[in-house]
Amino acid sequence: MTIHVLLVEDDELLVKRITNHFAETEFCIENDATGADALAIVQSRAKNYDAISLAIIDIVLPKRDGLHLAKELNTLTDIGVIMLSSRDSQADRIAGLAQGADDYICKPVDLLELELRIRALHKRLKSNNNSSDESEEFIEYADFKLHPDNRTLITANGIESRLTEAEHKVLICLISNAGKATSREKISEEIGQPDWSPNDRTVDVLIGRLRKKLSDEKDQKRIVTVRGKGYMLSI
């Protein structure tokens, strides 16, 4: 089965390298150099045999903000998103995760690493999609419910949202340790970033996104900051 991947990248040489690398695989790479038509392409083909499964988006695009495009795709579609960054910086990683990206890769792109990341993300998405129609089992905690298969979060007032892979892992980690503080280092390990440092704000950004989706309010925080220890899901 052909798996369609939309590559939003204006570097013609890189596009050629990626396209050639995947030529003999089940992944079909389609390029949108500017990102101007990316959302329309994904939405128009959502129910077709050639539906886009994943998007690889460069942060810096000539006519669009790659981060804004990632946010649009995360909000309006169910495809996976991998960000490309020319800078190996914490700021870029945080920015990508903050906009809902599932993963990110730094340039220069290692093609084998990119293929492994794509395969891993596609496998997770496929597993979620296959099980979401069959299973109605939710994890219920306090005043919200979480579907562990399709990463759907439903709050007490019925607001439904889809968590990114990283957000889902953070929430599962907090649920598993409910009532006690979980360190940023521990949470960072859970999302696949074992080399955490005190200056790394990735976890804080993900917690912020979860708080918004949980509709946390000032006077009744569901996710509590424990000074010097990390975060805790209140009982």
Protein backbone atom coordinates (compact mmCIF):
# COMPACT_ATOMS: atom_id res chain seq x y z
CA MET A 1 0.00 0.00 0.00
CA THR A 2 1.29 3.44 -0.93
CA ILE A 3 1.65 5.90 1.95
CA HIS A 4 1.45 9.52 0.81
CA VAL A 5 3.73 12.05 2.51
CA LEU A 6 3.57 15.80 1.86
CA LEU A 7 7.00 17.46 2.00
CA VAL A 8 6.75 21.22 2.49
CA GLU A 9 10.27 22.33 1.60
CA ASP A 10 11.71 24.87 -0.84
CA ASP A 11 15.27 23.51 -0.95
CA GLU A 12 15.22 21.75 -4.31
CA LEU A 13 18.36 19.72 -3.60
CA LEU A 14 16.98 18.42 -0.31
CA VAL A 15 13.65 17.62 -1.93
CA LYS A 16 15.47 15.62 -4.61
CA ARG A 17 17.55 13.75 -2.01
CA ILE A 18 14.50 12.83 0.04
CA THR A 19 12.42 11.88 -3.01
CA ASN A 20 15.19 9.66 -4.40
CA HIS A 21 15.74 7.99 -1.04
CA PHE A 22 12.09 7.00 -0.71
CA ALA A 23 11.64 6.06 -4.38
CA GLU A 24 12.00 2.33 -3.70
CA THR A 25 9.83 2.31 -0.58
CA GLU A 26 6.09 2.34 0.08
CA PHE A 27 6.27 6.07 0.84
CA CYS A 28 5.32 8.48 -1.95
CA ILE A 29 6.86 11.91 -1.38
CA GLU A 30 4.93 14.88 -2.78
CA ASN A 31 6.41 18.35 -2.62
CA ASP A 32 4.74 21.68 -1.90
CA ALA A 33 7.58 24.20 -2.05
CA THR A 34 5.79 27.07 -0.32
CA GLY A 35 3.14 25.45 1.86
CA ALA A 36 0.50 27.74 0.36
CA ASP A 37 -1.65 24.80 -0.75
CA ALA A 38 -0.72 22.28 1.95
CA LEU A 39 -3.90 22.48 4.02
CA ALA A 40 -6.14 22.41 0.95
CA ILE A 41 -4.30 19.37 -0.42
CA VAL A 42 -4.63 17.43 2.83
CA GLN A 43 -8.30 18.29 3.33
CA SER A 44 -9.38 17.65 -0.26
CA ARG A 45 -7.85 14.16 -0.26
CA ALA A 46 -8.75 13.15 3.29
CA LYS A 47 -11.23 10.43 2.27
CA ASN A 48 -9.51 9.37 -0.95
CA TYR A 49 -7.24 6.42 -1.69
CA ASP A 50 -4.35 8.88 -1.97
CA ALA A 51 -4.98 10.61 1.38
CA ILE A 52 -1.98 12.34 2.95
CA SER A 53 -0.82 10.46 6.05
CA LEU A 54 2.12 12.62 7.11
CA ALA A 55 3.54 16.07 6.48
CA ILE A 56 7.20 17.06 6.78
CA ILE A 57 7.40 20.83 7.18
CA ASP A 58 10.40 23.14 7.11
CA ILE A 59 10.12 25.81 9.79
CA VAL A 60 11.42 28.50 7.41
CA LEU A 61 9.39 28.78 4.21
CA PRO A 62 9.50 31.54 1.57
CA LYS A 63 5.81 32.50 1.70
CA ARG A 64 4.43 30.88 4.84
CA ASP A 65 5.35 30.38 8.46
CA GLY A 66 6.05 26.67 8.83
CA LEU A 67 5.06 26.75 12.50
CA HIS A 68 1.69 28.31 11.69
CA LEU A 69 1.11 25.67 9.01
CA ALA A 70 1.94 22.92 11.52
CA LYS A 71 -0.62 24.39 13.92
CA GLU A 72 -3.27 24.49 11.18
CA LEU A 73 -2.67 20.88 10.21
CA ASN A 74 -2.70 19.75 13.83
CA THR A 75 -5.96 21.59 14.53
CA LEU A 76 -7.86 20.85 11.33
CA THR A 77 -6.59 17.41 10.27
CA ASP A 78 -5.54 14.08 11.78
CA ILE A 79 -2.25 13.63 9.93
CA GLY A 80 1.14 13.34 11.59
CA VAL A 81 3.54 16.29 11.44
CA ILE A 82 7.34 16.26 11.48
CA MET A 83 9.15 19.60 11.58
CA LEU A 84 12.50 20.31 9.90
CA SER A 85 14.81 22.90 11.43
CA SER A 86 18.08 24.33 10.17
CA ARG A 87 19.07 25.12 13.76
CA ASP A 88 19.60 22.52 16.44
CA SER A 89 18.26 24.77 19.16
CA GLN A 90 15.95 24.33 22.10
CA ALA A 91 13.85 27.25 20.85
CA ASP A 92 13.09 25.50 17.56
CA ARG A 93 12.23 22.22 19.29
CA ILE A 94 9.93 23.98 21.74
CA ALA A 95 8.30 26.01 18.97
CA GLY A 96 7.58 22.88 16.94
CA LEU A 97 6.07 21.00 19.87
CA ALA A 98 4.11 24.06 20.93
CA GLN A 99 2.39 24.13 17.54
CA GLY A 100 1.43 20.46 17.78
CA ALA A 101 4.20 18.74 15.82
CA ASP A 102 4.63 15.04 16.58
CA ASP A 103 8.37 15.05 15.94
CA TYR A 104 11.22 17.19 14.61
CA ILE A 105 14.51 16.66 12.80
CA CYS A 106 17.46 19.00 12.49
CA LYS A 107 19.23 19.81 9.25
CA PRO A 108 21.37 18.60 7.61
CA VAL A 109 18.88 15.76 7.29
CA ASP A 110 20.14 12.21 7.80
CA LEU A 111 17.94 10.29 5.36
CA LEU A 112 18.04 7.03 7.29
CA GLU A 113 17.03 8.82 10.50
CA LEU A 114 14.21 10.58 8.63
CA GLU A 115 12.96 7.25 7.27
CA LEU A 116 13.01 5.66 10.73
CA ARG A 117 11.17 8.64 12.25
CA ILE A 118 8.54 8.52 9.48
CA ARG A 119 8.04 4.79 9.88
CA ALA A 120 7.72 5.07 13.66
CA LEU A 121 5.20 7.92 13.47
CA HIS A 122 3.16 6.23 10.74
CA LYS A 123 3.05 3.02 12.79
CA ARG A 124 1.73 4.90 15.83
CA LEU A 125 -0.88 6.76 13.79
CA LYS A 126 -2.02 3.59 12.04
CA SER A 127 -2.33 1.79 15.37
CA ASN A 128 -4.39 4.65 16.79
CA ASN A 129 -6.69 4.79 13.76
CA ASN A 130 -7.25 1.03 13.65
CA SER A 131 -8.16 0.80 17.31
CA SER A 132 -10.21 3.98 17.69
CA ASP A 133 -13.27 2.56 15.92
CA GLU A 134 -13.13 -0.75 17.80
CA SER A 135 -12.46 0.36 21.35
CA GLU A 136 -14.61 2.66 23.44
CA GLU A 137 -12.49 2.27 26.55
CA PHE A 138 -11.54 5.56 28.18
CA ILE A 139 -9.20 6.29 31.04
CA GLU A 140 -11.37 8.33 33.42
CA TYR A 141 -9.67 10.62 35.91
CA ALA A 142 -11.33 13.26 38.07
CA ASP A 143 -13.41 15.36 35.65
CA PHE A 144 -11.88 14.33 32.31
CA LYS A 145 -11.61 11.25 30.09
CA LEU A 146 -8.74 10.16 27.86
CA HIS A 147 -8.99 7.63 25.05
CA PRO A 148 -5.58 5.89 25.05
CA ASP A 149 -5.88 4.63 21.47
CA ASN A 150 -6.76 7.74 19.48
CA ARG A 151 -5.46 10.27 22.06
CA THR A 152 -8.84 11.99 22.43
CA LEU A 153 -9.32 14.10 25.55
CA ILE A 154 -12.81 15.00 26.77
CA THR A 155 -13.23 17.54 29.57
CA ALA A 156 -16.06 17.78 32.11
CA ASN A 157 -17.90 20.35 29.97
CA GLY A 158 -17.73 18.08 26.92
CA ILE A 159 -14.95 19.85 25.05
CA GLU A 160 -13.12 17.30 22.91
CA SER A 161 -9.57 17.68 21.61
CA ARG A 162 -6.89 15.49 20.09
CA LEU A 163 -3.57 15.31 21.91
CA THR A 164 -0.28 15.14 20.10
CA GLU A 165 1.91 12.11 20.78
CA ALA A 166 4.09 14.10 23.18
CA GLU A 167 1.12 15.63 25.04
CA HIS A 168 -0.44 12.19 25.38
CA LYS A 169 2.73 10.71 26.85
CA VAL A 170 3.01 13.56 29.36
CA LEU A 171 -0.60 13.16 30.51
CA ILE A 172 -0.27 9.37 30.83
CA CYS A 173 2.89 9.90 32.90
CA LEU A 174 1.05 12.33 35.22
CA ILE A 175 -1.95 10.00 35.56
CA SER A 176 0.35 7.11 36.44
CA ASN A 177 1.90 9.23 39.19
CA ALA A 178 -1.26 11.06 40.29
CA GLY A 179 -1.07 12.71 43.67
CA LYS A 180 2.70 12.98 43.71
CA ALA A 181 5.16 15.26 41.96
CA THR A 182 6.81 14.02 38.78
CA SER A 183 10.10 15.67 37.86
CA ARG A 184 10.68 17.42 34.56
CA GLU A 185 13.54 14.98 33.97
CA LYS A 186 11.22 11.98 34.35
CA ILE A 187 8.61 13.51 32.05
CA SER A 188 11.31 14.34 29.51
CA GLU A 189 12.39 10.68 29.47
CA GLU A 190 8.80 9.62 28.84
CA ILE A 191 8.59 11.74 25.69
CA GLY A 192 11.87 10.35 24.35
CA GLN A 193 14.25 13.13 25.39
CA PRO A 194 16.54 11.58 28.03
CA ASP A 195 19.14 14.37 27.85
CA TRP A 196 17.10 16.87 29.87
CA SER A 197 18.78 19.94 31.33
CA PRO A 198 17.47 22.57 33.79
CA ASN A 199 17.31 25.11 30.95
CA ASP A 200 15.15 22.89 28.74
CA ARG A 201 11.59 24.25 28.59
CA THR A 202 10.12 21.53 26.35
CA VAL A 203 8.24 19.90 29.23
CA ASP A 204 6.91 23.27 30.44
CA VAL A 205 5.54 24.03 26.97
CA LEU A 206 3.77 20.66 26.79
CA ILE A 207 2.32 21.17 30.27
CA GLY A 208 1.03 24.57 29.16
CA ARG A 209 -0.69 23.03 26.14
CA LEU A 210 -2.26 20.31 28.32
CA ARG A 211 -3.54 22.88 30.78
CA LYS A 212 -5.34 24.70 27.98
CA LYS A 213 -6.89 21.48 26.69
CA LEU A 214 -7.93 20.48 30.22
CA SER A 215 -9.49 23.94 30.66
CA ASP A 216 -7.48 24.48 33.83
CA GLU A 217 -8.48 27.60 35.72
CA LYS A 218 -6.42 29.75 38.09
CA ASP A 219 -8.34 28.80 41.20
CA GLN A 220 -8.60 25.09 40.43
CA LYS A 221 -5.54 23.75 38.68
CA ARG A 222 -5.71 20.15 37.53
CA ILE A 223 -1.97 20.13 36.83
CA VAL A 224 -0.15 21.66 39.78
CA THR A 225 3.39 23.04 39.73
CA VAL A 226 5.36 21.73 42.71
CA ARG A 227 8.24 24.10 43.31
CA GLY A 228 11.61 22.39 42.95
CA LYS A 229 10.04 19.00 42.19
CA GLY A 230 8.06 19.19 38.95
CA TYR A 231 4.39 18.73 38.17
CA MET A 232 1.55 16.85 39.82
CA LEU A 233 -1.91 15.84 38.69
CA SER A 234 -4.24 16.75 41.57
CA ILE A 235 -6.50 14.07 42.97
